């Protein structure tokens, strides 16, 4: 399993997407304001996601 890096865009929990801001040993901290419909979802700006619970959509690599 590939672990996300800072700046990667990940998807988790039924289609939520966000930008990884910090990588911890067992999880990442994700900024959810990346999503176009963020304001209508009424959720917190950031959340913690376990490495086992997300899929990397985009990376910083060329």
Protein backbone atom coordinates (compact mmCIF):
# COMPACT_ATOMS: atom_id res chain seq x y z
CA UNK A 1 0.00 0.00 0.00
CA UNK A 2 1.35 3.40 -1.02
CA UNK A 3 1.16 6.09 1.64
CA UNK A 4 0.03 9.56 0.56
CA UNK A 5 2.39 12.52 0.73
CA UNK A 6 1.76 16.18 1.54
CA UNK A 7 -0.06 17.80 -1.39
CA UNK A 8 -1.62 14.58 -2.70
CA UNK A 9 -5.34 14.50 -3.36
CA UNK A 10 -7.08 11.51 -1.81
CA UNK A 11 -10.57 10.06 -1.82
CA UNK A 12 -12.19 8.34 1.14
CA UNK A 13 -15.51 7.58 2.82
CA UNK A 14 -18.08 7.51 -0.01
CA UNK A 15 -16.43 10.02 -2.34
CA UNK A 16 -15.11 12.72 -0.01
CA UNK A 17 -11.91 14.25 -1.38
CA UNK A 18 -9.21 16.42 0.12
CA UNK A 19 -5.61 17.57 0.02
CA UNK A 20 -3.14 15.91 2.39
CA UNK A 21 -1.65 18.50 4.75
CA UNK A 22 0.28 16.26 7.13
CA UNK A 23 1.37 12.63 7.17
CA UNK A 24 1.42 10.81 10.50
CA UNK A 25 2.54 7.27 11.32
CA UNK A 26 -0.91 5.71 10.91
CA UNK A 27 -2.95 8.47 9.26
CA UNK A 28 -3.04 11.68 7.26
CA UNK A 29 -4.62 15.04 8.01
CA UNK A 30 -6.75 16.16 5.09
CA UNK A 31 -8.08 19.60 4.11
CA UNK A 32 -11.60 19.08 2.72
CA UNK A 33 -12.12 22.61 1.37
CA UNK A 34 -10.71 21.30 -1.94
CA UNK A 35 -14.16 19.94 -2.83
CA UNK A 36 -16.40 22.25 -4.89
CA UNK A 37 -19.45 21.35 -2.79
CA UNK A 38 -17.65 21.74 0.56
CA UNK A 39 -19.86 24.59 1.82
CA UNK A 40 -23.07 22.67 1.20
CA UNK A 41 -21.86 19.57 3.09
CA UNK A 42 -21.68 21.27 6.50
CA UNK A 43 -18.59 19.36 7.62
CA UNK A 44 -15.35 20.38 9.33
CA UNK A 45 -12.53 21.83 7.20
CA UNK A 46 -10.04 19.13 8.20
CA UNK A 47 -10.21 15.50 9.21
CA UNK A 48 -7.94 12.55 9.99
CA UNK A 49 -7.98 9.50 7.73
CA UNK A 50 -6.26 6.18 8.44
CA UNK A 51 -3.82 5.01 5.74
CA UNK A 52 -5.99 1.92 5.17
CA UNK A 53 -9.09 4.01 4.41
CA UNK A 54 -8.18 6.19 1.41
CA UNK A 55 -7.22 6.01 -2.25
CA UNK A 56 -4.69 8.41 -3.81
CA UNK A 57 -6.24 10.24 -6.79
CA UNK A 58 -3.46 12.67 -7.74
CA UNK A 59 0.17 13.03 -6.71
CA UNK A 60 2.75 15.81 -7.00
CA UNK A 61 5.00 13.64 -9.13
CA UNK A 62 5.58 14.60 -12.76
